[in-house]
Amino acid sequence: MAQPRILEIDYQDFKRILQKAKDLRKKFDKTDKQKWDAYVRRHNVPTAGVRVKAKKGVMSDKILEVIIDESGAADGYYLYSPEDEFCLKFEPGTD
């Protein structure tokens, strides 16, 4: 059983992951409230805690959020800053 964890992801790797998820239509953001809320509840995503950790890693206040849900290694809740080229990923772990 893998524990949930927060990882720093190389920003260039994240851009590739995000583009692939966009192409496969496997990413969504807060504007898709129903999917967003369901994912956050299902995986117990500590959004506030991850946001605090992300703010420590960036200089700007511009932090974006996205969820990738494609049933693979890229799955997770991401916080990123294009300006600072910084990315964190919350992996929910497995049962």
PDB file of N, CA and C in Angstrom:
ATOM      1  N   MET A   1       0.835  -1.171   0.000  1.00  0.00           N
ATOM      2  CA  MET A   1       0.000   0.000   0.000  1.00  0.00           C
ATOM      3  C   MET A   1       0.889   1.246   0.000  1.00  0.00           C
ATOM      4  N   ALA A   2       0.830   2.019  -1.067  1.00  0.00           N
ATOM      5  CA  ALA A   2       1.618   3.241  -1.183  1.00  0.00           C
ATOM      6  C   ALA A   2       0.916   4.380  -0.453  1.00  0.00           C
ATOM      7  N   GLN A   3       1.691   5.178   0.243  1.00  0.00           N
ATOM      8  CA  GLN A   3       1.170   6.320   0.981  1.00  0.00           C
ATOM      9  C   GLN A   3       1.060   7.534   0.055  1.00  0.00           C
ATOM     10  N   PRO A   4       0.093   8.418   0.336  1.00  0.00           N
ATOM     11  CA  PRO A   4       0.029   9.661  -0.431  1.00  0.00           C
ATOM     12  C   PRO A   4       1.319  10.456  -0.223  1.00  0.00           C
ATOM     13  N   ARG A   5       1.704  11.218  -1.256  1.00  0.00           N
ATOM     14  CA  ARG A   5       2.930  12.001  -1.135  1.00  0.00           C
ATOM     15  C   ARG A   5       2.886  13.209  -2.052  1.00  0.00           C
ATOM     16  N   ILE A   6       3.714  14.186  -1.720  1.00  0.00           N
ATOM     17  CA  ILE A   6       3.861  15.389  -2.532  1.00  0.00           C
ATOM     18  C   ILE A   6       5.266  15.383  -3.102  1.00  0.00           C
ATOM     19  N   LEU A   7       5.351  15.500  -4.425  1.00  0.00           N
ATOM     20  CA  LEU A   7       6.647  15.448  -5.115  1.00  0.00           C
ATOM     21  C   LEU A   7       6.889  16.722  -5.899  1.00  0.00           C
ATOM     22  N   GLU A   8       8.137  17.154  -5.950  1.00  0.00           N
ATOM     23  CA  GLU A   8       8.501  18.227  -6.867  1.00  0.00           C
ATOM     24  C   GLU A   8       8.803  17.573  -8.209  1.00  0.00           C
ATOM     25  N   ILE A   9       8.184  18.080  -9.258  1.00  0.00           N
ATOM     26  CA  ILE A   9       8.325  17.525 -10.604  1.00  0.00           C
ATOM     27  C   ILE A   9       9.124  18.518 -11.453  1.00  0.00           C
ATOM     28  N   ASP A  10      10.058  18.006 -12.246  1.00  0.00           N
ATOM     29  CA  ASP A  10      10.792  18.855 -13.175  1.00  0.00           C
ATOM     30  C   ASP A  10       9.781  19.562 -14.083  1.00  0.00           C
ATOM     31  N   TYR A  11       9.888  20.864 -14.201  1.00  0.00           N
ATOM     32  CA  TYR A  11       8.886  21.640 -14.929  1.00  0.00           C
ATOM     33  C   TYR A  11       8.786  21.229 -16.400  1.00  0.00           C
ATOM     34  N   GLN A  12       9.901  20.950 -17.034  1.00  0.00           N
ATOM     35  CA  GLN A  12       9.862  20.536 -18.446  1.00  0.00           C
ATOM     36  C   GLN A  12       9.158  19.186 -18.597  1.00  0.00           C
ATOM     37  N   ASP A  13       9.387  18.275 -17.652  1.00  0.00           N
ATOM     38  CA  ASP A  13       8.672  16.990 -17.663  1.00  0.00           C
ATOM     39  C   ASP A  13       7.176  17.229 -17.481  1.00  0.00           C
ATOM     40  N   PHE A  14       6.839  18.129 -16.562  1.00  0.00           N
ATOM     41  CA  PHE A  14       5.431  18.447 -16.334  1.00  0.00           C
ATOM     42  C   PHE A  14       4.772  18.986 -17.607  1.00  0.00           C
ATOM     43  N   LYS A  15       5.446  19.859 -18.321  1.00  0.00           N
ATOM     44  CA  LYS A  15       4.868  20.408 -19.560  1.00  0.00           C
ATOM     45  C   LYS A  15       4.552  19.298 -20.555  1.00  0.00           C
ATOM     46  N   ARG A  16       5.420  18.296 -20.645  1.00  0.00           N
ATOM     47  CA  ARG A  16       5.158  17.164 -21.540  1.00  0.00           C
ATOM     48  C   ARG A  16       3.959  16.341 -21.038  1.00  0.00           C
ATOM     49  N   ILE A  17       3.905  16.103 -19.728  1.00  0.00           N
ATOM     50  CA  ILE A  17       2.790  15.360 -19.129  1.00  0.00           C
ATOM     51  C   ILE A  17       1.478  16.104 -19.379  1.00  0.00           C
ATOM     52  N   LEU A  18       1.491  17.409 -19.170  1.00  0.00           N
ATOM     53  CA  LEU A  18       0.291  18.216 -19.352  1.00  0.00           C
ATOM     54  C   LEU A  18      -0.165  18.209 -20.809  1.00  0.00           C
ATOM     55  N   GLN A  19       0.763  18.337 -21.725  1.00  0.00           N
ATOM     56  CA  GLN A  19       0.391  18.334 -23.146  1.00  0.00           C
ATOM     57  C   GLN A  19      -0.226  16.993 -23.549  1.00  0.00           C
ATOM     58  N   LYS A  20       0.361  15.904 -23.083  1.00  0.00           N
ATOM     59  CA  LYS A  20      -0.184  14.574 -23.391  1.00  0.00           C
ATOM     60  C   LYS A  20      -1.592  14.431 -22.807  1.00  0.00           C
ATOM     61  N   ALA A  21      -1.776  14.894 -21.573  1.00  0.00           N
ATOM     62  CA  ALA A  21      -3.096  14.817 -20.939  1.00  0.00           C
ATOM     63  C   ALA A  21      -4.119  15.670 -21.692  1.00  0.00           C
ATOM     64  N   LYS A  22      -3.698  16.841 -22.175  1.00  0.00           N
ATOM     65  CA  LYS A  22      -4.592  17.683 -22.973  1.00  0.00           C
ATOM     66  C   LYS A  22      -4.983  16.961 -24.254  1.00  0.00           C
ATOM     67  N   ASP A  23      -4.000  16.379 -24.933  1.00  0.00           N
ATOM     68  CA  ASP A  23      -4.256  15.677 -26.188  1.00  0.00           C
ATOM     69  C   ASP A  23      -5.228  14.518 -25.991  1.00  0.00           C
ATOM     70  N   LEU A  24      -5.108  13.819 -24.851  1.00  0.00           N
ATOM     71  CA  LEU A  24      -5.967  12.670 -24.554  1.00  0.00           C
ATOM     72  C   LEU A  24      -7.254  13.071 -23.824  1.00  0.00           C
ATOM     73  N   ARG A  25      -7.407  14.362 -23.558  1.00  0.00           N
ATOM     74  CA  ARG A  25      -8.565  14.886 -22.823  1.00  0.00           C
ATOM     75  C   ARG A  25      -8.700  14.226 -21.447  1.00  0.00           C
ATOM     76  N   LYS A  26      -7.569  14.118 -20.768  1.00  0.00           N
ATOM     77  CA  LYS A  26      -7.520  13.495 -19.445  1.00  0.00           C
ATOM     78  C   LYS A  26      -7.160  14.493 -18.357  1.00  0.00           C
ATOM     79  N   LYS A  27      -7.235  15.773 -18.648  1.00  0.00           N
ATOM     80  CA  LYS A  27      -6.936  16.795 -17.644  1.00  0.00           C
ATOM     81  C   LYS A  27      -8.166  17.658 -17.450  1.00  0.00           C
ATOM     82  N   PHE A  28      -8.305  18.157 -16.230  1.00  0.00           N
ATOM     83  CA  PHE A  28      -9.376  19.096 -15.965  1.00  0.00           C
ATOM     84  C   PHE A  28      -8.946  20.041 -14.860  1.00  0.00           C
ATOM     85  N   ASP A  29      -9.625  21.181 -14.804  1.00  0.00           N
ATOM     86  CA  ASP A  29      -9.295  22.170 -13.780  1.00  0.00           C
ATOM     87  C   ASP A  29     -10.547  22.531 -13.003  1.00  0.00           C
ATOM     88  N   LYS A  30     -10.431  23.527 -12.144  1.00  0.00           N
ATOM     89  CA  LYS A  30     -11.525  23.879 -11.236  1.00  0.00           C
ATOM     90  C   LYS A  30     -12.800  24.319 -11.943  1.00  0.00           C
ATOM     91  N   THR A  31     -12.702  24.721 -13.197  1.00  0.00           N
ATOM     92  CA  THR A  31     -13.908  25.134 -13.908  1.00  0.00           C
ATOM     93  C   THR A  31     -14.841  23.956 -14.148  1.00  0.00           C
ATOM     94  N   ASP A  32     -14.308  22.741 -14.143  1.00  0.00           N
ATOM     95  CA  ASP A  32     -15.141  21.536 -14.238  1.00  0.00           C
ATOM     96  C   ASP A  32     -15.417  21.072 -12.807  1.00  0.00           C
ATOM     97  N   LYS A  33     -16.265  21.849 -12.131  1.00  0.00           N
ATOM     98  CA  LYS A  33     -16.482  21.699 -10.694  1.00  0.00           C
ATOM     99  C   LYS A  33     -16.894  20.284 -10.285  1.00  0.00           C
ATOM    100  N   GLN A  34     -17.751  19.653 -11.046  1.00  0.00           N
ATOM    101  CA  GLN A  34     -18.225  18.315 -10.671  1.00  0.00           C
ATOM    102  C   GLN A  34     -17.077  17.298 -10.670  1.00  0.00           C
ATOM    103  N   LYS A  35     -16.293  17.258 -11.735  1.00  0.00           N
ATOM    104  CA  LYS A  35     -15.156  16.329 -11.803  1.00  0.00           C
ATOM    105  C   LYS A  35     -14.106  16.679 -10.755  1.00  0.00           C
ATOM    106  N   TRP A  36     -13.849  17.990 -10.614  1.00  0.00           N
ATOM    107  CA  TRP A  36     -12.833  18.455  -9.667  1.00  0.00           C
ATOM    108  C   TRP A  36     -13.182  18.007  -8.252  1.00  0.00           C
ATOM    109  N   ASP A  37     -14.385  18.339  -7.822  1.00  0.00           N
ATOM    110  CA  ASP A  37     -14.806  18.003  -6.460  1.00  0.00           C
ATOM    111  C   ASP A  37     -14.814  16.494  -6.223  1.00  0.00           C
ATOM    112  N   ALA A  38     -15.258  15.734  -7.214  1.00  0.00           N
ATOM    113  CA  ALA A  38     -15.297  14.273  -7.078  1.00  0.00           C
ATOM    114  C   ALA A  38     -13.881  13.710  -6.911  1.00  0.00           C
ATOM    115  N   TYR A  39     -12.930  14.191  -7.715  1.00  0.00           N
ATOM    116  CA  TYR A  39     -11.553  13.700  -7.617  1.00  0.00           C
ATOM    117  C   TYR A  39     -10.949  14.054  -6.262  1.00  0.00           C
ATOM    118  N   VAL A  40     -11.124  15.300  -5.847  1.00  0.00           N
ATOM    119  CA  VAL A  40     -10.548  15.767  -4.576  1.00  0.00           C
ATOM    120  C   VAL A  40     -11.106  14.949  -3.406  1.00  0.00           C
ATOM    121  N   ARG A  41     -12.408  14.707  -3.413  1.00  0.00           N
ATOM    122  CA  ARG A  41     -13.020  13.898  -2.345  1.00  0.00           C
ATOM    123  C   ARG A  41     -12.553  12.446  -2.391  1.00  0.00           C
ATOM    124  N   ARG A  42     -12.572  11.860  -3.572  1.00  0.00           N
ATOM    125  CA  ARG A  42     -12.220  10.440  -3.745  1.00  0.00           C
ATOM    126  C   ARG A  42     -10.792  10.152  -3.293  1.00  0.00           C
ATOM    127  N   HIS A  43      -9.879  11.102  -3.537  1.00  0.00           N
ATOM    128  CA  HIS A  43      -8.463  10.884  -3.235  1.00  0.00           C
ATOM    129  C   HIS A  43      -7.979  11.653  -2.007  1.00  0.00           C
ATOM    130  N   ASN A  44      -8.911  12.291  -1.298  1.00  0.00           N
ATOM    131  CA  ASN A  44      -8.551  13.047  -0.083  1.00  0.00           C
ATOM    132  C   ASN A  44      -7.390  14.007  -0.332  1.00  0.00           C
ATOM    133  N   VAL A  45      -7.491  14.784  -1.391  1.00  0.00           N
ATOM    134  CA  VAL A  45      -6.425  15.722  -1.755  1.00  0.00           C
ATOM    135  C   VAL A  45      -6.415  16.892  -0.765  1.00  0.00           C
ATOM    136  N   PRO A  46      -5.301  17.106  -0.073  1.00  0.00           N
ATOM    137  CA  PRO A  46      -5.198  18.227   0.864  1.00  0.00           C
ATOM    138  C   PRO A  46      -4.815  19.508   0.112  1.00  0.00           C
ATOM    139  N   THR A  47      -5.756  20.059  -0.634  1.00  0.00           N
ATOM    140  CA  THR A  47      -5.452  21.179  -1.530  1.00  0.00           C
ATOM    141  C   THR A  47      -4.797  22.356  -0.812  1.00  0.00           C
ATOM    142  N   ALA A  48      -5.293  22.702   0.360  1.00  0.00           N
ATOM    143  CA  ALA A  48      -4.709  23.838   1.087  1.00  0.00           C
ATOM    144  C   ALA A  48      -3.266  23.547   1.493  1.00  0.00           C
ATOM    145  N   GLY A  49      -2.995  22.345   1.965  1.00  0.00           N
ATOM    146  CA  GLY A  49      -1.646  21.982   2.384  1.00  0.00           C
ATOM    147  C   GLY A  49      -0.664  21.966   1.228  1.00  0.00           C
ATOM    148  N   VAL A  50      -1.101  21.462   0.085  1.00  0.00           N
ATOM    149  CA  VAL A  50      -0.224  21.432  -1.093  1.00  0.00           C
ATOM    150  C   VAL A  50       0.031  22.854  -1.571  1.00  0.00           C
ATOM    151  N   ARG A  51      -0.994  23.708  -1.520  1.00  0.00           N
ATOM    152  CA  ARG A  51      -0.839  25.107  -1.940  1.00  0.00           C
ATOM    153  C   ARG A  51       0.180  25.830  -1.055  1.00  0.00           C
ATOM    154  N   VAL A  52       0.138  25.596   0.252  1.00  0.00           N
ATOM    155  CA  VAL A  52       1.109  26.217   1.162  1.00  0.00           C
ATOM    156  C   VAL A  52       2.516  25.772   0.799  1.00  0.00           C
ATOM    157  N   LYS A  53       2.695  24.487   0.550  1.00  0.00           N
ATOM    158  CA  LYS A  53       4.017  23.965   0.185  1.00  0.00           C
ATOM    159  C   LYS A  53       4.478  24.564  -1.151  1.00  0.00           C
ATOM    160  N   ALA A  54       3.562  24.722  -2.096  1.00  0.00           N
ATOM    161  CA  ALA A  54       3.912  25.294  -3.403  1.00  0.00           C
ATOM    162  C   ALA A  54       4.352  26.739  -3.249  1.00  0.00           C
ATOM    163  N   LYS A  55       3.668  27.506  -2.425  1.00  0.00           N
ATOM    164  CA  LYS A  55       4.032  28.919  -2.243  1.00  0.00           C
ATOM    165  C   LYS A  55       5.441  29.067  -1.688  1.00  0.00           C
ATOM    166  N   LYS A  56       5.882  28.091  -0.918  1.00  0.00           N
ATOM    167  CA  LYS A  56       7.250  28.134  -0.392  1.00  0.00           C
ATOM    168  C   LYS A  56       8.270  27.941  -1.510  1.00  0.00           C
ATOM    169  N   GLY A  57       7.881  27.272  -2.600  1.00  0.00           N
ATOM    170  CA  GLY A  57       8.815  26.955  -3.666  1.00  0.00           C
ATOM    171  C   GLY A  57       8.851  27.955  -4.801  1.00  0.00           C
ATOM    172  N   VAL A  58       7.970  28.959  -4.775  1.00  0.00           N
ATOM    173  CA  VAL A  58       7.919  29.918  -5.883  1.00  0.00           C
ATOM    174  C   VAL A  58       8.061  31.344  -5.368  1.00  0.00           C
ATOM    175  N   MET A  59       8.520  32.205  -6.229  1.00  0.00           N
ATOM    176  CA  MET A  59       8.670  33.611  -5.872  1.00  0.00           C
ATOM    177  C   MET A  59       7.384  34.386  -6.171  1.00  0.00           C
ATOM    178  N   SER A  60       6.704  34.042  -7.234  1.00  0.00           N
ATOM    179  CA  SER A  60       5.487  34.759  -7.607  1.00  0.00           C
ATOM    180  C   SER A  60       4.283  34.153  -6.884  1.00  0.00           C
ATOM    181  N   ASP A  61       3.188  34.857  -6.963  1.00  0.00           N
ATOM    182  CA  ASP A  61       1.953  34.357  -6.358  1.00  0.00           C
ATOM    183  C   ASP A  61       1.076  33.637  -7.367  1.00  0.00           C
ATOM    184  N   LYS A  62       1.528  33.538  -8.606  1.00  0.00           N
ATOM    185  CA  LYS A  62       0.710  32.921  -9.646  1.00  0.00           C
ATOM    186  C   LYS A  62       0.931  31.407  -9.659  1.00  0.00           C
ATOM    187  N   ILE A  63       0.025  30.698  -8.997  1.00  0.00           N
ATOM    188  CA  ILE A  63       0.084  29.235  -8.937  1.00  0.00           C
ATOM    189  C   ILE A  63      -1.198  28.701  -9.564  1.00  0.00           C
ATOM    190  N   LEU A  64      -1.053  27.822 -10.535  1.00  0.00           N
ATOM    191  CA  LEU A  64      -2.189  27.225 -11.229  1.00  0.00           C
ATOM    192  C   LEU A  64      -2.380  25.794 -10.750  1.00  0.00           C
ATOM    193  N   GLU A  65      -3.602  25.288 -10.879  1.00  0.00           N
ATOM    194  CA  GLU A  65      -3.921  23.935 -10.452  1.00  0.00           C
ATOM    195  C   GLU A  65      -4.525  23.153 -11.605  1.00  0.00           C
ATOM    196  N   VAL A  66      -4.226  21.867 -11.662  1.00  0.00           N
ATOM    197  CA  VAL A  66      -4.808  20.989 -12.662  1.00  0.00           C
ATOM    198  C   VAL A  66      -4.807  19.570 -12.104  1.00  0.00           C
ATOM    199  N   ILE A  67      -5.773  18.791 -12.534  1.00  0.00           N
ATOM    200  CA  ILE A  67      -5.810  17.371 -12.190  1.00  0.00           C
ATOM    201  C   ILE A  67      -5.691  16.582 -13.479  1.00  0.00           C
ATOM    202  N   ILE A  68      -4.835  15.584 -13.440  1.00  0.00           N
ATOM    203  CA  ILE A  68      -4.702  14.648 -14.557  1.00  0.00           C
ATOM    204  C   ILE A  68      -5.195  13.313 -14.044  1.00  0.00           C
ATOM    205  N   ASP A  69      -6.165  12.745 -14.759  1.00  0.00           N
ATOM    206  CA  ASP A  69      -6.793  11.505 -14.319  1.00  0.00           C
ATOM    207  C   ASP A  69      -6.912  10.582 -15.527  1.00  0.00           C
ATOM    208  N   GLU A  70      -5.824   9.862 -15.787  1.00  0.00           N
ATOM    209  CA  GLU A  70      -5.817   8.991 -16.965  1.00  0.00           C
ATOM    210  C   GLU A  70      -5.498   7.538 -16.616  1.00  0.00           C
ATOM    211  N   SER A  71      -5.591   7.211 -15.336  1.00  0.00           N
ATOM    212  CA  SER A  71      -5.319   5.849 -14.876  1.00  0.00           C
ATOM    213  C   SER A  71      -3.900   5.407 -15.215  1.00  0.00           C
ATOM    214  N   GLY A  72      -2.955   6.244 -14.917  1.00  0.00           N
ATOM    215  CA  GLY A  72      -1.565   5.923 -15.189  1.00  0.00           C
ATOM    216  C   GLY A  72      -0.638   6.641 -14.231  1.00  0.00           C
ATOM    217  N   ALA A  73       0.645   6.562 -14.521  1.00  0.00           N
ATOM    218  CA  ALA A  73       1.665   7.147 -13.641  1.00  0.00           C
ATOM    219  C   ALA A  73       1.571   8.665 -13.548  1.00  0.00           C
ATOM    220  N   ALA A  74       0.984   9.317 -14.530  1.00  0.00           N
ATOM    221  CA  ALA A  74       0.884  10.772 -14.517  1.00  0.00           C
ATOM    222  C   ALA A  74      -0.292  11.271 -13.685  1.00  0.00           C
ATOM    223  N   ASP A  75      -1.162  10.378 -13.235  1.00  0.00           N
ATOM    224  CA  ASP A  75      -2.335  10.787 -12.465  1.00  0.00           C
ATOM    225  C   ASP A  75      -1.934  11.585 -11.246  1.00  0.00           C
ATOM    226  N   GLY A  76      -2.699  12.616 -10.953  1.00  0.00           N
ATOM    227  CA  GLY A  76      -2.462  13.372  -9.739  1.00  0.00           C
ATOM    228  C   GLY A  76      -2.994  14.786  -9.814  1.00  0.00           C
ATOM    229  N   TYR A  77      -2.866  15.449  -8.699  1.00  0.00           N
ATOM    230  CA  TYR A  77      -3.243  16.852  -8.542  1.00  0.00           C
ATOM    231  C   TYR A  77      -1.945  17.648  -8.619  1.00  0.00           C
ATOM    232  N   TYR A  78      -1.873  18.601  -9.535  1.00  0.00           N
ATOM    233  CA  TYR A  78      -0.661  19.374  -9.765  1.00  0.00           C
ATOM    234  C   TYR A  78      -0.892  20.846  -9.451  1.00  0.00           C
ATOM    235  N   LEU A  79       0.098  21.450  -8.854  1.00  0.00           N
ATOM    236  CA  LEU A  79       0.175  22.899  -8.688  1.00  0.00           C
ATOM    237  C   LEU A  79       1.429  23.330  -9.429  1.00  0.00           C
ATOM    238  N   TYR A  80       1.310  24.388 -10.251  1.00  0.00           N
ATOM    239  CA  TYR A  80       2.481  24.796 -11.022  1.00  0.00           C
ATOM    240  C   TYR A  80       2.487  26.297 -11.264  1.00  0.00           C
ATOM    241  N   SER A  81       3.677  26.788 -11.538  1.00  0.00           N
ATOM    242  CA  SER A  81       3.881  28.197 -11.841  1.00  0.00           C
ATOM    243  C   SER A  81       4.710  28.308 -13.117  1.00  0.00           C
ATOM    244  N   PRO A  82       4.082  28.704 -14.229  1.00  0.00           N
ATOM    245  CA  PRO A  82       4.851  28.882 -15.466  1.00  0.00           C
ATOM    246  C   PRO A  82       5.930  29.953 -15.316  1.00  0.00           C
ATOM    247  N   GLU A  83       5.631  30.993 -14.554  1.00  0.00           N
ATOM    248  CA  GLU A  83       6.574  32.092 -14.355  1.00  0.00           C
ATOM    249  C   GLU A  83       7.845  31.607 -13.655  1.00  0.00           C
ATOM    250  N   ASP A  84       7.670  30.756 -12.643  1.00  0.00           N
ATOM    251  CA  ASP A  84       8.800  30.262 -11.868  1.00  0.00           C
ATOM    252  C   ASP A  84       9.306  28.899 -12.336  1.00  0.00           C
ATOM    253  N   GLU A  85       8.613  28.316 -13.331  1.00  0.00           N
ATOM    254  CA  GLU A  85       8.947  26.978 -13.829  1.00  0.00           C
ATOM    255  C   GLU A  85       9.086  25.998 -12.660  1.00  0.00           C
ATOM    256  N   PHE A  86       8.019  25.925 -11.881  1.00  0.00           N
ATOM    257  CA  PHE A  86       7.976  25.112 -10.673  1.00  0.00           C
ATOM    258  C   PHE A  86       6.703  24.272 -10.688  1.00  0.00           C
ATOM    259  N   CYS A  87       6.814  23.011 -10.225  1.00  0.00           N
ATOM    260  CA  CYS A  87       5.643  22.135 -10.216  1.00  0.00           C
ATOM    261  C   CYS A  87       5.699  21.176  -9.041  1.00  0.00           C
ATOM    262  N   LEU A  88       4.563  21.026  -8.358  1.00  0.00           N
ATOM    263  CA  LEU A  88       4.387  20.011  -7.325  1.00  0.00           C
ATOM    264  C   LEU A  88       3.263  19.090  -7.748  1.00  0.00           C
ATOM    265  N   LYS A  89       3.371  17.840  -7.355  1.00  0.00           N
ATOM    266  CA  LYS A  89       2.341  16.848  -7.660  1.00  0.00           C
ATOM    267  C   LYS A  89       1.952  16.137  -6.378  1.00  0.00           C
ATOM    268  N   PHE A  90       0.641  16.020  -6.143  1.00  0.00           N
ATOM    269  CA  PHE A  90       0.130  15.204  -5.060  1.00  0.00           C
ATOM    270  C   PHE A  90      -0.283  13.871  -5.667  1.00  0.00           C
ATOM    271  N   GLU A  91       0.343  12.803  -5.193  1.00  0.00           N
ATOM    272  CA  GLU A  91      -0.041  11.451  -5.608  1.00  0.00           C
ATOM    273  C   GLU A  91      -0.847  10.847  -4.481  1.00  0.00           C
ATOM    274  N   PRO A  92      -2.078  10.412  -4.779  1.00  0.00           N
ATOM    275  CA  PRO A  92      -2.938   9.924  -3.719  1.00  0.00           C
ATOM    276  C   PRO A  92      -2.522   8.608  -3.083  1.00  0.00           C
ATOM    277  N   GLY A  93      -1.644   7.870  -3.685  1.00  0.00           N
ATOM    278  CA  GLY A  93      -1.283   6.561  -3.140  1.00  0.00           C
ATOM    279  C   GLY A  93      -2.256   5.508  -3.619  1.00  0.00           C
ATOM    280  N   THR A  94      -2.068   4.292  -3.173  1.00  0.00           N
ATOM    281  CA  THR A  94      -2.922   3.188  -3.594  1.00  0.00           C
ATOM    282  C   THR A  94      -3.459   2.447  -2.389  1.00  0.00           C
ATOM    283  N   ASP A  95      -4.571   1.813  -2.585  1.00  0.00           N
ATOM    284  CA  ASP A  95      -5.187   1.021  -1.508  1.00  0.00           C
ATOM    285  C   ASP A  95      -4.644  -0.392  -1.494  1.00  0.00           C
TER     286      ASP A  95
END
